[in-house]
Amino acid sequence: MCLGIPGKIVEKFEVGGLEMGKISFGGLIKEVCLAYVPEAEVGDYAVIHVGFAISRI
């Protein structure tokens, strides 16, 4: 069982060819990997688990 937390994508960027993003969790900003949801755009919401976006909402 996992605990996925929804957050809003506020920025997208690449690091070494890997798609990354800054996600807002009610004002707390964290960097996460967006490789599993390449269709996600700034303004979308995604479910985050251990630093990876696992689905777009």
PDB file of N, CA and C in Angstrom:
ATOM      1  N   MET A   1       0.848  -1.177   0.000  1.00  0.00           N
ATOM      2  CA  MET A   1       0.000   0.000   0.000  1.00  0.00           C
ATOM      3  C   MET A   1       0.894   1.241   0.000  1.00  0.00           C
ATOM      4  N   CYS A   2       0.512   2.236  -0.775  1.00  0.00           N
ATOM      5  CA  CYS A   2       1.321   3.452  -0.834  1.00  0.00           C
ATOM      6  C   CYS A   2       0.479   4.664  -0.449  1.00  0.00           C
ATOM      7  N   LEU A   3       1.175   5.704  -0.073  1.00  0.00           N
ATOM      8  CA  LEU A   3       0.505   6.959   0.257  1.00  0.00           C
ATOM      9  C   LEU A   3       0.886   7.979  -0.805  1.00  0.00           C
ATOM     10  N   GLY A   4      -0.011   8.226  -1.741  1.00  0.00           N
ATOM     11  CA  GLY A   4       0.209   9.225  -2.776  1.00  0.00           C
ATOM     12  C   GLY A   4      -0.455  10.527  -2.370  1.00  0.00           C
ATOM     13  N   ILE A   5       0.256  11.621  -2.531  1.00  0.00           N
ATOM     14  CA  ILE A   5      -0.239  12.938  -2.136  1.00  0.00           C
ATOM     15  C   ILE A   5      -0.454  13.783  -3.395  1.00  0.00           C
ATOM     16  N   PRO A   6      -1.633  14.397  -3.575  1.00  0.00           N
ATOM     17  CA  PRO A   6      -1.846  15.253  -4.742  1.00  0.00           C
ATOM     18  C   PRO A   6      -1.158  16.604  -4.577  1.00  0.00           C
ATOM     19  N   GLY A   7      -0.604  17.092  -5.678  1.00  0.00           N
ATOM     20  CA  GLY A   7       0.033  18.402  -5.686  1.00  0.00           C
ATOM     21  C   GLY A   7      -0.111  19.052  -7.048  1.00  0.00           C
ATOM     22  N   LYS A   8       0.083  20.368  -7.094  1.00  0.00           N
ATOM     23  CA  LYS A   8      -0.055  21.132  -8.336  1.00  0.00           C
ATOM     24  C   LYS A   8       1.322  21.383  -8.944  1.00  0.00           C
ATOM     25  N   ILE A   9       1.453  21.104 -10.237  1.00  0.00           N
ATOM     26  CA  ILE A   9       2.713  21.341 -10.945  1.00  0.00           C
ATOM     27  C   ILE A   9       2.834  22.836 -11.203  1.00  0.00           C
ATOM     28  N   VAL A  10       3.894  23.448 -10.671  1.00  0.00           N
ATOM     29  CA  VAL A  10       4.078  24.888 -10.834  1.00  0.00           C
ATOM     30  C   VAL A  10       5.244  25.224 -11.765  1.00  0.00           C
ATOM     31  N   GLU A  11       6.088  24.231 -12.075  1.00  0.00           N
ATOM     32  CA  GLU A  11       7.225  24.464 -12.973  1.00  0.00           C
ATOM     33  C   GLU A  11       7.705  23.126 -13.512  1.00  0.00           C
ATOM     34  N   LYS A  12       8.145  23.111 -14.788  1.00  0.00           N
ATOM     35  CA  LYS A  12       8.750  21.923 -15.394  1.00  0.00           C
ATOM     36  C   LYS A  12      10.135  22.286 -15.890  1.00  0.00           C
ATOM     37  N   PHE A  13      11.073  21.326 -15.781  1.00  0.00           N
ATOM     38  CA  PHE A  13      12.430  21.531 -16.270  1.00  0.00           C
ATOM     39  C   PHE A  13      13.093  20.176 -16.465  1.00  0.00           C
ATOM     40  N   GLU A  14      14.272  20.173 -17.092  1.00  0.00           N
ATOM     41  CA  GLU A  14      15.019  18.935 -17.314  1.00  0.00           C
ATOM     42  C   GLU A  14      16.322  18.956 -16.550  1.00  0.00           C
ATOM     43  N   VAL A  15      16.693  17.787 -16.051  1.00  0.00           N
ATOM     44  CA  VAL A  15      17.981  17.603 -15.382  1.00  0.00           C
ATOM     45  C   VAL A  15      18.605  16.355 -15.992  1.00  0.00           C
ATOM     46  N   GLY A  16      19.671  16.531 -16.748  1.00  0.00           N
ATOM     47  CA  GLY A  16      20.337  15.392 -17.374  1.00  0.00           C
ATOM     48  C   GLY A  16      19.425  14.585 -18.276  1.00  0.00           C
ATOM     49  N   GLY A  17      18.506  15.241 -18.972  1.00  0.00           N
ATOM     50  CA  GLY A  17      17.577  14.569 -19.872  1.00  0.00           C
ATOM     51  C   GLY A  17      16.358  13.980 -19.184  1.00  0.00           C
ATOM     52  N   LEU A  18      16.258  14.138 -17.871  1.00  0.00           N
ATOM     53  CA  LEU A  18      15.132  13.619 -17.099  1.00  0.00           C
ATOM     54  C   LEU A  18      14.154  14.748 -16.802  1.00  0.00           C
ATOM     55  N   GLU A  19      12.880  14.522 -17.112  1.00  0.00           N
ATOM     56  CA  GLU A  19      11.863  15.550 -16.883  1.00  0.00           C
ATOM     57  C   GLU A  19      11.544  15.649 -15.390  1.00  0.00           C
ATOM     58  N   MET A  20      11.683  16.850 -14.860  1.00  0.00           N
ATOM     59  CA  MET A  20      11.456  17.114 -13.441  1.00  0.00           C
ATOM     60  C   MET A  20      10.448  18.246 -13.305  1.00  0.00           C
ATOM     61  N   GLY A  21       9.949  18.437 -12.102  1.00  0.00           N
ATOM     62  CA  GLY A  21       9.017  19.525 -11.864  1.00  0.00           C
ATOM     63  C   GLY A  21       9.028  19.973 -10.423  1.00  0.00           C
ATOM     64  N   LYS A  22       8.543  21.187 -10.219  1.00  0.00           N
ATOM     65  CA  LYS A  22       8.322  21.695  -8.870  1.00  0.00           C
ATOM     66  C   LYS A  22       6.827  21.574  -8.609  1.00  0.00           C
ATOM     67  N   ILE A  23       6.495  20.943  -7.487  1.00  0.00           N
ATOM     68  CA  ILE A  23       5.115  20.661  -7.134  1.00  0.00           C
ATOM     69  C   ILE A  23       4.766  21.400  -5.857  1.00  0.00           C
ATOM     70  N   SER A  24       3.588  22.025  -5.846  1.00  0.00           N
ATOM     71  CA  SER A  24       3.112  22.733  -4.660  1.00  0.00           C
ATOM     72  C   SER A  24       2.116  21.853  -3.912  1.00  0.00           C
ATOM     73  N   PHE A  25       2.423  21.624  -2.645  1.00  0.00           N
ATOM     74  CA  PHE A  25       1.520  20.909  -1.743  1.00  0.00           C
ATOM     75  C   PHE A  25       0.982  21.937  -0.761  1.00  0.00           C
ATOM     76  N   GLY A  26      -0.003  22.720  -1.176  1.00  0.00           N
ATOM     77  CA  GLY A  26      -0.573  23.740  -0.305  1.00  0.00           C
ATOM     78  C   GLY A  26       0.425  24.806   0.101  1.00  0.00           C
ATOM     79  N   GLY A  27       1.346  25.152  -0.793  1.00  0.00           N
ATOM     80  CA  GLY A  27       2.341  26.182  -0.509  1.00  0.00           C
ATOM     81  C   GLY A  27       3.734  25.642  -0.257  1.00  0.00           C
ATOM     82  N   LEU A  28       3.859  24.373   0.112  1.00  0.00           N
ATOM     83  CA  LEU A  28       5.161  23.728   0.288  1.00  0.00           C
ATOM     84  C   LEU A  28       5.609  23.217  -1.077  1.00  0.00           C
ATOM     85  N   ILE A  29       6.764  23.680  -1.568  1.00  0.00           N
ATOM     86  CA  ILE A  29       7.251  23.318  -2.899  1.00  0.00           C
ATOM     87  C   ILE A  29       8.321  22.235  -2.789  1.00  0.00           C
ATOM     88  N   LYS A  30       8.155  21.159  -3.585  1.00  0.00           N
ATOM     89  CA  LYS A  30       9.126  20.065  -3.637  1.00  0.00           C
ATOM     90  C   LYS A  30       9.444  19.756  -5.091  1.00  0.00           C
ATOM     91  N   GLU A  31      10.674  19.285  -5.347  1.00  0.00           N
ATOM     92  CA  GLU A  31      11.051  18.835  -6.680  1.00  0.00           C
ATOM     93  C   GLU A  31      10.746  17.349  -6.800  1.00  0.00           C
ATOM     94  N   VAL A  32      10.122  16.963  -7.928  1.00  0.00           N
ATOM     95  CA  VAL A  32       9.783  15.565  -8.164  1.00  0.00           C
ATOM     96  C   VAL A  32      10.104  15.183  -9.607  1.00  0.00           C
ATOM     97  N   CYS A  33      10.217  13.892  -9.848  1.00  0.00           N
ATOM     98  CA  CYS A  33      10.452  13.360 -11.185  1.00  0.00           C
ATOM     99  C   CYS A  33       9.110  13.223 -11.907  1.00  0.00           C
ATOM    100  N   LEU A  34       9.046  13.711 -13.145  1.00  0.00           N
ATOM    101  CA  LEU A  34       7.821  13.645 -13.947  1.00  0.00           C
ATOM    102  C   LEU A  34       7.923  12.626 -15.086  1.00  0.00           C
ATOM    103  N   ALA A  35       8.927  11.752 -15.051  1.00  0.00           N
ATOM    104  CA  ALA A  35       9.166  10.807 -16.142  1.00  0.00           C
ATOM    105  C   ALA A  35       7.978   9.879 -16.398  1.00  0.00           C
ATOM    106  N   TYR A  36       7.221   9.527 -15.361  1.00  0.00           N
ATOM    107  CA  TYR A  36       6.088   8.609 -15.526  1.00  0.00           C
ATOM    108  C   TYR A  36       4.841   9.293 -16.069  1.00  0.00           C
ATOM    109  N   VAL A  37       4.816  10.619 -16.078  1.00  0.00           N
ATOM    110  CA  VAL A  37       3.657  11.368 -16.584  1.00  0.00           C
ATOM    111  C   VAL A  37       4.128  12.469 -17.546  1.00  0.00           C
ATOM    112  N   PRO A  38       4.705  12.091 -18.691  1.00  0.00           N
ATOM    113  CA  PRO A  38       5.258  13.091 -19.613  1.00  0.00           C
ATOM    114  C   PRO A  38       4.207  14.042 -20.175  1.00  0.00           C
ATOM    115  N   GLU A  39       2.929  13.654 -20.132  1.00  0.00           N
ATOM    116  CA  GLU A  39       1.859  14.511 -20.655  1.00  0.00           C
ATOM    117  C   GLU A  39       1.461  15.614 -19.686  1.00  0.00           C
ATOM    118  N   ALA A  40       1.942  15.567 -18.459  1.00  0.00           N
ATOM    119  CA  ALA A  40       1.586  16.567 -17.443  1.00  0.00           C
ATOM    120  C   ALA A  40       2.160  17.932 -17.804  1.00  0.00           C
ATOM    121  N   GLU A  41       1.371  18.964 -17.565  1.00  0.00           N
ATOM    122  CA  GLU A  41       1.767  20.339 -17.860  1.00  0.00           C
ATOM    123  C   GLU A  41       1.662  21.193 -16.605  1.00  0.00           C
ATOM    124  N   VAL A  42       2.293  22.370 -16.649  1.00  0.00           N
ATOM    125  CA  VAL A  42       2.185  23.327 -15.546  1.00  0.00           C
ATOM    126  C   VAL A  42       0.706  23.656 -15.343  1.00  0.00           C
ATOM    127  N   GLY A  43       0.263  23.625 -14.100  1.00  0.00           N
ATOM    128  CA  GLY A  43      -1.137  23.867 -13.767  1.00  0.00           C
ATOM    129  C   GLY A  43      -1.922  22.594 -13.511  1.00  0.00           C
ATOM    130  N   ASP A  44      -1.416  21.456 -14.009  1.00  0.00           N
ATOM    131  CA  ASP A  44      -2.062  20.168 -13.750  1.00  0.00           C
ATOM    132  C   ASP A  44      -1.798  19.729 -12.315  1.00  0.00           C
ATOM    133  N   TYR A  45      -2.625  18.815 -11.841  1.00  0.00           N
ATOM    134  CA  TYR A  45      -2.407  18.176 -10.545  1.00  0.00           C
ATOM    135  C   TYR A  45      -1.933  16.754 -10.793  1.00  0.00           C
ATOM    136  N   ALA A  46      -1.056  16.265  -9.928  1.00  0.00           N
ATOM    137  CA  ALA A  46      -0.536  14.911 -10.047  1.00  0.00           C
ATOM    138  C   ALA A  46      -0.458  14.278  -8.666  1.00  0.00           C
ATOM    139  N   VAL A  47      -0.526  12.943  -8.649  1.00  0.00           N
ATOM    140  CA  VAL A  47      -0.345  12.196  -7.408  1.00  0.00           C
ATOM    141  C   VAL A  47       1.141  11.881  -7.283  1.00  0.00           C
ATOM    142  N   ILE A  48       1.737  12.247  -6.145  1.00  0.00           N
ATOM    143  CA  ILE A  48       3.170  12.089  -5.920  1.00  0.00           C
ATOM    144  C   ILE A  48       3.405  11.024  -4.857  1.00  0.00           C
ATOM    145  N   HIS A  49       4.357  10.115  -5.143  1.00  0.00           N
ATOM    146  CA  HIS A  49       4.751   9.081  -4.182  1.00  0.00           C
ATOM    147  C   HIS A  49       6.270   8.970  -4.194  1.00  0.00           C
ATOM    148  N   VAL A  50       6.886   9.127  -3.061  1.00  0.00           N
ATOM    149  CA  VAL A  50       8.348   9.073  -2.847  1.00  0.00           C
ATOM    150  C   VAL A  50       9.152   9.801  -3.931  1.00  0.00           C
ATOM    151  N   GLY A  51       8.725  10.999  -4.284  1.00  0.00           N
ATOM    152  CA  GLY A  51       9.478  11.830  -5.215  1.00  0.00           C
ATOM    153  C   GLY A  51       9.177  11.611  -6.683  1.00  0.00           C
ATOM    154  N   PHE A  52       8.181  10.786  -6.993  1.00  0.00           N
ATOM    155  CA  PHE A  52       7.796  10.523  -8.375  1.00  0.00           C
ATOM    156  C   PHE A  52       6.317  10.839  -8.570  1.00  0.00           C
ATOM    157  N   ALA A  53       6.009  11.534  -9.664  1.00  0.00           N
ATOM    158  CA  ALA A  53       4.611  11.726 -10.046  1.00  0.00           C
ATOM    159  C   ALA A  53       4.162  10.412 -10.679  1.00  0.00           C
ATOM    160  N   ILE A  54       3.123   9.788 -10.118  1.00  0.00           N
ATOM    161  CA  ILE A  54       2.705   8.476 -10.614  1.00  0.00           C
ATOM    162  C   ILE A  54       1.426   8.527 -11.447  1.00  0.00           C
ATOM    163  N   SER A  55       0.686   9.628 -11.377  1.00  0.00           N
ATOM    164  CA  SER A  55      -0.485   9.798 -12.244  1.00  0.00           C
ATOM    165  C   SER A  55      -0.904  11.257 -12.262  1.00  0.00           C
ATOM    166  N   ARG A  56      -1.553  11.628 -13.352  1.00  0.00           N
ATOM    167  CA  ARG A  56      -2.081  12.983 -13.497  1.00  0.00           C
ATOM    168  C   ARG A  56      -3.550  12.965 -13.111  1.00  0.00           C
ATOM    169  N   ILE A  57      -3.996  14.000 -12.427  1.00  0.00           N
ATOM    170  CA  ILE A  57      -5.403  14.076 -12.017  1.00  0.00           C
ATOM    171  C   ILE A  57      -6.122  15.047 -12.949  1.00  0.00           C
TER     172      ILE A  57
END
